[in-house]
């Protein structure tokens, strides 16, 4: 999986970590694709994972995105 989103497992909880601290964890197409891969995997693990936590590396959650158009 893409290293822009990391995963840690802790006793039934999966922690997804946005891993672009140098860019304040800004969301990009690659980050969204990595999140989708993790969410797809988690959807198959409902018997062992009961909680998903999303956080950002380096003390920031996310600076958002500017590339999405409505």
PDB file of N, CA and C in Angstrom:
ATOM      1  N   UNK A   1       0.834  -1.190   0.000  1.00  0.00           N
ATOM      2  CA  UNK A   1       0.000   0.000   0.000  1.00  0.00           C
ATOM      3  C   UNK A   1       0.878   1.253   0.000  1.00  0.00           C
ATOM      4  N   UNK A   2       0.287   2.305  -0.420  1.00  0.00           N
ATOM      5  CA  UNK A   2       0.943   3.605  -0.504  1.00  0.00           C
ATOM      6  C   UNK A   2       1.350   4.079   0.895  1.00  0.00           C
ATOM      7  N   UNK A   3       2.554   4.629   1.037  1.00  0.00           N
ATOM      8  CA  UNK A   3       3.025   5.075   2.352  1.00  0.00           C
ATOM      9  C   UNK A   3       2.480   6.447   2.752  1.00  0.00           C
ATOM     10  N   UNK A   4       1.621   7.054   1.945  1.00  0.00           N
ATOM     11  CA  UNK A   4       1.037   8.338   2.323  1.00  0.00           C
ATOM     12  C   UNK A   4      -0.036   8.178   3.398  1.00  0.00           C
ATOM     13  N   UNK A   5      -0.492   6.935   3.613  1.00  0.00           N
ATOM     14  CA  UNK A   5      -1.401   6.624   4.714  1.00  0.00           C
ATOM     15  C   UNK A   5      -0.883   5.349   5.363  1.00  0.00           C
ATOM     16  N   UNK A   6      -0.591   5.431   6.650  1.00  0.00           N
ATOM     17  CA  UNK A   6      -0.093   4.284   7.395  1.00  0.00           C
ATOM     18  C   UNK A   6      -1.230   3.693   8.218  1.00  0.00           C
ATOM     19  N   UNK A   7      -1.056   2.428   8.595  1.00  0.00           N
ATOM     20  CA  UNK A   7      -2.059   1.777   9.431  1.00  0.00           C
ATOM     21  C   UNK A   7      -1.381   1.117  10.618  1.00  0.00           C
ATOM     22  N   UNK A   8      -1.973   1.312  11.792  1.00  0.00           N
ATOM     23  CA  UNK A   8      -1.557   0.619  13.006  1.00  0.00           C
ATOM     24  C   UNK A   8      -2.790  -0.057  13.580  1.00  0.00           C
ATOM     25  N   UNK A   9      -2.624  -1.249  14.133  1.00  0.00           N
ATOM     26  CA  UNK A   9      -3.729  -1.969  14.754  1.00  0.00           C
ATOM     27  C   UNK A   9      -3.480  -2.089  16.247  1.00  0.00           C
ATOM     28  N   UNK A  10      -4.533  -1.824  17.044  1.00  0.00           N
ATOM     29  CA  UNK A  10      -4.440  -1.872  18.500  1.00  0.00           C
ATOM     30  C   UNK A  10      -5.709  -2.489  19.073  1.00  0.00           C
ATOM     31  N   UNK A  11      -5.687  -3.746  19.412  1.00  0.00           N
ATOM     32  CA  UNK A  11      -6.788  -4.419  20.112  1.00  0.00           C
ATOM     33  C   UNK A  11      -8.161  -4.112  19.512  1.00  0.00           C
ATOM     34  N   UNK A  12      -8.333  -4.364  18.246  1.00  0.00           N
ATOM     35  CA  UNK A  12      -9.622  -4.162  17.592  1.00  0.00           C
ATOM     36  C   UNK A  12      -9.845  -2.780  17.017  1.00  0.00           C
ATOM     37  N   UNK A  13      -8.872  -1.896  17.186  1.00  0.00           N
ATOM     38  CA  UNK A  13      -8.965  -0.555  16.606  1.00  0.00           C
ATOM     39  C   UNK A  13      -7.901  -0.419  15.519  1.00  0.00           C
ATOM     40  N   UNK A  14      -8.292   0.107  14.391  1.00  0.00           N
ATOM     41  CA  UNK A  14      -7.344   0.404  13.317  1.00  0.00           C
ATOM     42  C   UNK A  14      -7.135   1.913  13.293  1.00  0.00           C
ATOM     43  N   UNK A  15      -5.880   2.328  13.315  1.00  0.00           N
ATOM     44  CA  UNK A  15      -5.542   3.755  13.259  1.00  0.00           C
ATOM     45  C   UNK A  15      -4.943   4.024  11.882  1.00  0.00           C
ATOM     46  N   UNK A  16      -5.607   4.865  11.106  1.00  0.00           N
ATOM     47  CA  UNK A  16      -5.090   5.293   9.811  1.00  0.00           C
ATOM     48  C   UNK A  16      -4.443   6.653  10.007  1.00  0.00           C
ATOM     49  N   UNK A  17      -3.202   6.775   9.554  1.00  0.00           N
ATOM     50  CA  UNK A  17      -2.423   7.986   9.799  1.00  0.00           C
ATOM     51  C   UNK A  17      -2.061   8.644   8.467  1.00  0.00           C
ATOM     52  N   UNK A  18      -2.546   9.854   8.258  1.00  0.00           N
ATOM     53  CA  UNK A  18      -2.133  10.619   7.081  1.00  0.00           C
ATOM     54  C   UNK A  18      -0.650  10.921   7.267  1.00  0.00           C
ATOM     55  N   UNK A  19       0.190  10.503   6.331  1.00  0.00           N
ATOM     56  CA  UNK A  19       1.636  10.532   6.525  1.00  0.00           C
ATOM     57  C   UNK A  19       2.340  11.488   5.563  1.00  0.00           C
ATOM     58  N   UNK A  20       1.955  12.753   5.627  1.00  0.00           N
ATOM     59  CA  UNK A  20       2.621  13.799   4.851  1.00  0.00           C
ATOM     60  C   UNK A  20       2.854  15.006   5.748  1.00  0.00           C
ATOM     61  N   UNK A  21       3.547  14.806   6.873  1.00  0.00           N
ATOM     62  CA  UNK A  21       3.685  15.902   7.832  1.00  0.00           C
ATOM     63  C   UNK A  21       4.397  17.127   7.258  1.00  0.00           C
ATOM     64  N   UNK A  22       5.299  16.911   6.290  1.00  0.00           N
ATOM     65  CA  UNK A  22       6.012  18.047   5.700  1.00  0.00           C
ATOM     66  C   UNK A  22       5.078  18.946   4.895  1.00  0.00           C
ATOM     67  N   UNK A  23       3.918  18.411   4.509  1.00  0.00           N
ATOM     68  CA  UNK A  23       2.895  19.174   3.772  1.00  0.00           C
ATOM     69  C   UNK A  23       1.643  19.372   4.621  1.00  0.00           C
ATOM     70  N   UNK A  24       1.803  19.260   5.943  1.00  0.00           N
ATOM     71  CA  UNK A  24       0.689  19.389   6.885  1.00  0.00           C
ATOM     72  C   UNK A  24      -0.435  18.409   6.569  1.00  0.00           C
ATOM     73  N   UNK A  25      -0.047  17.242   6.036  1.00  0.00           N
ATOM     74  CA  UNK A  25      -0.981  16.160   5.709  1.00  0.00           C
ATOM     75  C   UNK A  25      -2.078  16.590   4.734  1.00  0.00           C
ATOM     76  N   UNK A  26      -1.724  17.503   3.842  1.00  0.00           N
ATOM     77  CA  UNK A  26      -2.684  17.949   2.833  1.00  0.00           C
ATOM     78  C   UNK A  26      -3.133  16.753   1.997  1.00  0.00           C
ATOM     79  N   UNK A  27      -4.401  16.764   1.630  1.00  0.00           N
ATOM     80  CA  UNK A  27      -4.981  15.662   0.870  1.00  0.00           C
ATOM     81  C   UNK A  27      -4.670  15.811  -0.613  1.00  0.00           C
ATOM     82  N   UNK A  28      -4.259  14.700  -1.206  1.00  0.00           N
ATOM     83  CA  UNK A  28      -3.973  14.644  -2.634  1.00  0.00           C
ATOM     84  C   UNK A  28      -4.707  13.439  -3.217  1.00  0.00           C
ATOM     85  N   UNK A  29      -4.649  13.315  -4.505  1.00  0.00           N
ATOM     86  CA  UNK A  29      -5.245  12.145  -5.160  1.00  0.00           C
ATOM     87  C   UNK A  29      -4.623  10.869  -4.612  1.00  0.00           C
ATOM     88  N   UNK A  30      -3.306  10.844  -4.436  1.00  0.00           N
ATOM     89  CA  UNK A  30      -2.629   9.661  -3.888  1.00  0.00           C
ATOM     90  C   UNK A  30      -3.109   9.327  -2.482  1.00  0.00           C
ATOM     91  N   UNK A  31      -3.318  10.343  -1.665  1.00  0.00           N
ATOM     92  CA  UNK A  31      -3.796  10.108  -0.300  1.00  0.00           C
ATOM     93  C   UNK A  31      -5.209   9.514  -0.333  1.00  0.00           C
ATOM     94  N   UNK A  32      -6.087  10.073  -1.168  1.00  0.00           N
ATOM     95  CA  UNK A  32      -7.443   9.536  -1.286  1.00  0.00           C
ATOM     96  C   UNK A  32      -7.415   8.090  -1.781  1.00  0.00           C
ATOM     97  N   UNK A  33      -6.546   7.789  -2.732  1.00  0.00           N
ATOM     98  CA  UNK A  33      -6.447   6.417  -3.234  1.00  0.00           C
ATOM     99  C   UNK A  33      -5.932   5.468  -2.156  1.00  0.00           C
ATOM    100  N   UNK A  34      -4.956   5.922  -1.359  1.00  0.00           N
ATOM    101  CA  UNK A  34      -4.435   5.095  -0.265  1.00  0.00           C
ATOM    102  C   UNK A  34      -5.515   4.879   0.794  1.00  0.00           C
ATOM    103  N   UNK A  35      -6.271   5.930   1.117  1.00  0.00           N
ATOM    104  CA  UNK A  35      -7.367   5.784   2.074  1.00  0.00           C
ATOM    105  C   UNK A  35      -8.398   4.783   1.571  1.00  0.00           C
ATOM    106  N   UNK A  36      -8.702   4.840   0.294  1.00  0.00           N
ATOM    107  CA  UNK A  36      -9.664   3.905  -0.287  1.00  0.00           C
ATOM    108  C   UNK A  36      -9.177   2.463  -0.160  1.00  0.00           C
ATOM    109  N   UNK A  37      -7.888   2.218  -0.398  1.00  0.00           N
ATOM    110  CA  UNK A  37      -7.330   0.876  -0.241  1.00  0.00           C
ATOM    111  C   UNK A  37      -7.483   0.388   1.192  1.00  0.00           C
ATOM    112  N   UNK A  38      -7.176   1.243   2.146  1.00  0.00           N
ATOM    113  CA  UNK A  38      -7.298   0.870   3.557  1.00  0.00           C
ATOM    114  C   UNK A  38      -8.753   0.616   3.934  1.00  0.00           C
ATOM    115  N   UNK A  39      -9.659   1.477   3.499  1.00  0.00           N
ATOM    116  CA  UNK A  39     -11.076   1.312   3.827  1.00  0.00           C
ATOM    117  C   UNK A  39     -11.612   0.026   3.203  1.00  0.00           C
ATOM    118  N   UNK A  40     -11.215  -0.283   1.988  1.00  0.00           N
ATOM    119  CA  UNK A  40     -11.634  -1.540   1.359  1.00  0.00           C
ATOM    120  C   UNK A  40     -11.153  -2.741   2.166  1.00  0.00           C
ATOM    121  N   UNK A  41      -9.910  -2.689   2.631  1.00  0.00           N
ATOM    122  CA  UNK A  41      -9.371  -3.776   3.448  1.00  0.00           C
ATOM    123  C   UNK A  41     -10.118  -3.877   4.774  1.00  0.00           C
ATOM    124  N   UNK A  42     -10.391  -2.737   5.395  1.00  0.00           N
ATOM    125  CA  UNK A  42     -11.100  -2.728   6.673  1.00  0.00           C
ATOM    126  C   UNK A  42     -12.518  -3.276   6.539  1.00  0.00           C
ATOM    127  N   UNK A  43     -13.142  -3.046   5.404  1.00  0.00           N
ATOM    128  CA  UNK A  43     -14.494  -3.547   5.177  1.00  0.00           C
ATOM    129  C   UNK A  43     -14.544  -5.072   5.212  1.00  0.00           C
ATOM    130  N   UNK A  44     -13.421  -5.710   4.950  1.00  0.00           N
ATOM    131  CA  UNK A  44     -13.347  -7.174   4.995  1.00  0.00           C
ATOM    132  C   UNK A  44     -12.913  -7.689   6.371  1.00  0.00           C
ATOM    133  N   UNK A  45     -12.696  -6.780   7.319  1.00  0.00           N
ATOM    134  CA  UNK A  45     -12.184  -7.162   8.635  1.00  0.00           C
ATOM    135  C   UNK A  45     -13.142  -6.805   9.773  1.00  0.00           C
ATOM    136  N   UNK A  46     -14.433  -6.820   9.504  1.00  0.00           N
ATOM    137  CA  UNK A  46     -15.401  -6.372  10.505  1.00  0.00           C
ATOM    138  C   UNK A  46     -15.475  -7.285  11.729  1.00  0.00           C
ATOM    139  N   UNK A  47     -14.981  -8.498  11.624  1.00  0.00           N
ATOM    140  CA  UNK A  47     -14.985  -9.386  12.791  1.00  0.00           C
ATOM    141  C   UNK A  47     -13.818  -9.105  13.734  1.00  0.00           C
ATOM    142  N   UNK A  48     -12.790  -8.432  13.246  1.00  0.00           N
ATOM    143  CA  UNK A  48     -11.618  -8.171  14.087  1.00  0.00           C
ATOM    144  C   UNK A  48     -11.374  -6.690  14.345  1.00  0.00           C
ATOM    145  N   UNK A  49     -11.957  -5.825  13.530  1.00  0.00           N
ATOM    146  CA  UNK A  49     -11.779  -4.373  13.709  1.00  0.00           C
ATOM    147  C   UNK A  49     -13.145  -3.757  13.977  1.00  0.00           C
ATOM    148  N   UNK A  50     -13.285  -3.109  15.118  1.00  0.00           N
ATOM    149  CA  UNK A  50     -14.548  -2.495  15.488  1.00  0.00           C
ATOM    150  C   UNK A  50     -14.513  -0.980  15.527  1.00  0.00           C
ATOM    151  N   UNK A  51     -13.323  -0.409  15.334  1.00  0.00           N
ATOM    152  CA  UNK A  51     -13.171   1.044  15.423  1.00  0.00           C
ATOM    153  C   UNK A  51     -12.068   1.475  14.469  1.00  0.00           C
ATOM    154  N   UNK A  52     -12.306   2.563  13.755  1.00  0.00           N
ATOM    155  CA  UNK A  52     -11.288   3.137  12.877  1.00  0.00           C
ATOM    156  C   UNK A  52     -11.067   4.587  13.306  1.00  0.00           C
ATOM    157  N   UNK A  53      -9.809   4.922  13.530  1.00  0.00           N
ATOM    158  CA  UNK A  53      -9.426   6.280  13.914  1.00  0.00           C
ATOM    159  C   UNK A  53      -8.590   6.862  12.786  1.00  0.00           C
ATOM    160  N   UNK A  54      -8.909   8.065  12.362  1.00  0.00           N
ATOM    161  CA  UNK A  54      -8.146   8.750  11.323  1.00  0.00           C
ATOM    162  C   UNK A  54      -7.439   9.929  11.965  1.00  0.00           C
ATOM    163  N   UNK A  55      -6.108   9.982  11.811  1.00  0.00           N
ATOM    164  CA  UNK A  55      -5.351  11.083  12.383  1.00  0.00           C
ATOM    165  C   UNK A  55      -4.236  11.473  11.432  1.00  0.00           C
ATOM    166  N   UNK A  56      -3.585  12.576  11.720  1.00  0.00           N
ATOM    167  CA  UNK A  56      -2.473  13.043  10.905  1.00  0.00           C
ATOM    168  C   UNK A  56      -1.154  12.905  11.643  1.00  0.00           C
ATOM    169  N   UNK A  57      -0.094  12.690  10.913  1.00  0.00           N
ATOM    170  CA  UNK A  57       1.255  12.601  11.485  1.00  0.00           C
ATOM    171  C   UNK A  57       1.783  14.006  11.759  1.00  0.00           C
ATOM    172  N   UNK A  58       2.697  14.102  12.709  1.00  0.00           N
ATOM    173  CA  UNK A  58       3.405  15.357  12.943  1.00  0.00           C
ATOM    174  C   UNK A  58       2.626  16.451  13.642  1.00  0.00           C
ATOM    175  N   UNK A  59       1.550  16.104  14.342  1.00  0.00           N
ATOM    176  CA  UNK A  59       0.840  17.111  15.117  1.00  0.00           C
ATOM    177  C   UNK A  59      -0.238  17.875  14.372  1.00  0.00           C
ATOM    178  N   UNK A  60      -0.464  17.561  13.108  1.00  0.00           N
ATOM    179  CA  UNK A  60      -1.518  18.218  12.330  1.00  0.00           C
ATOM    180  C   UNK A  60      -2.443  17.160  11.766  1.00  0.00           C
ATOM    181  N   UNK A  61      -3.748  17.457  11.755  1.00  0.00           N
ATOM    182  CA  UNK A  61      -4.654  16.500  11.128  1.00  0.00           C
ATOM    183  C   UNK A  61      -4.518  16.608   9.615  1.00  0.00           C
ATOM    184  N   UNK A  62      -4.980  17.694   9.044  1.00  0.00           N
ATOM    185  CA  UNK A  62      -4.874  17.880   7.603  1.00  0.00           C
ATOM    186  C   UNK A  62      -5.107  19.349   7.258  1.00  0.00           C
ATOM    187  N   UNK A  63      -4.293  19.857   6.357  1.00  0.00           N
ATOM    188  CA  UNK A  63      -4.451  21.232   5.898  1.00  0.00           C
ATOM    189  C   UNK A  63      -5.546  21.347   4.846  1.00  0.00           C
ATOM    190  N   UNK A  64      -6.165  20.214   4.496  1.00  0.00           N
ATOM    191  CA  UNK A  64      -7.236  20.217   3.507  1.00  0.00           C
ATOM    192  C   UNK A  64      -6.705  19.928   2.120  1.00  0.00           C
ATOM    193  N   UNK A  65      -7.465  20.341   1.125  1.00  0.00           N
ATOM    194  CA  UNK A  65      -7.076  20.127  -0.267  1.00  0.00           C
ATOM    195  C   UNK A  65      -7.505  21.307  -1.114  1.00  0.00           C
ATOM    196  N   UNK A  66      -6.803  21.523  -2.178  1.00  0.00           N
ATOM    197  CA  UNK A  66      -7.179  22.583  -3.104  1.00  0.00           C
ATOM    198  C   UNK A  66      -7.411  22.050  -4.510  1.00  0.00           C
ATOM    199  N   UNK A  67      -7.138  20.782  -4.726  1.00  0.00           N
ATOM    200  CA  UNK A  67      -7.241  20.243  -6.087  1.00  0.00           C
ATOM    201  C   UNK A  67      -8.616  19.743  -6.451  1.00  0.00           C
ATOM    202  N   UNK A  68      -9.525  19.594  -5.483  1.00  0.00           N
ATOM    203  CA  UNK A  68     -10.871  19.128  -5.785  1.00  0.00           C
ATOM    204  C   UNK A  68     -11.700  20.257  -6.371  1.00  0.00           C
ATOM    205  N   UNK A  69     -12.403  19.980  -7.421  1.00  0.00           N
ATOM    206  CA  UNK A  69     -13.298  20.963  -8.051  1.00  0.00           C
ATOM    207  C   UNK A  69     -14.730  20.493  -7.874  1.00  0.00           C
ATOM    208  N   UNK A  70     -15.638  21.418  -7.635  1.00  0.00           N
ATOM    209  CA  UNK A  70     -17.040  21.031  -7.484  1.00  0.00           C
ATOM    210  C   UNK A  70     -17.774  21.110  -8.787  1.00  0.00           C
TER     211      UNK A  70
END
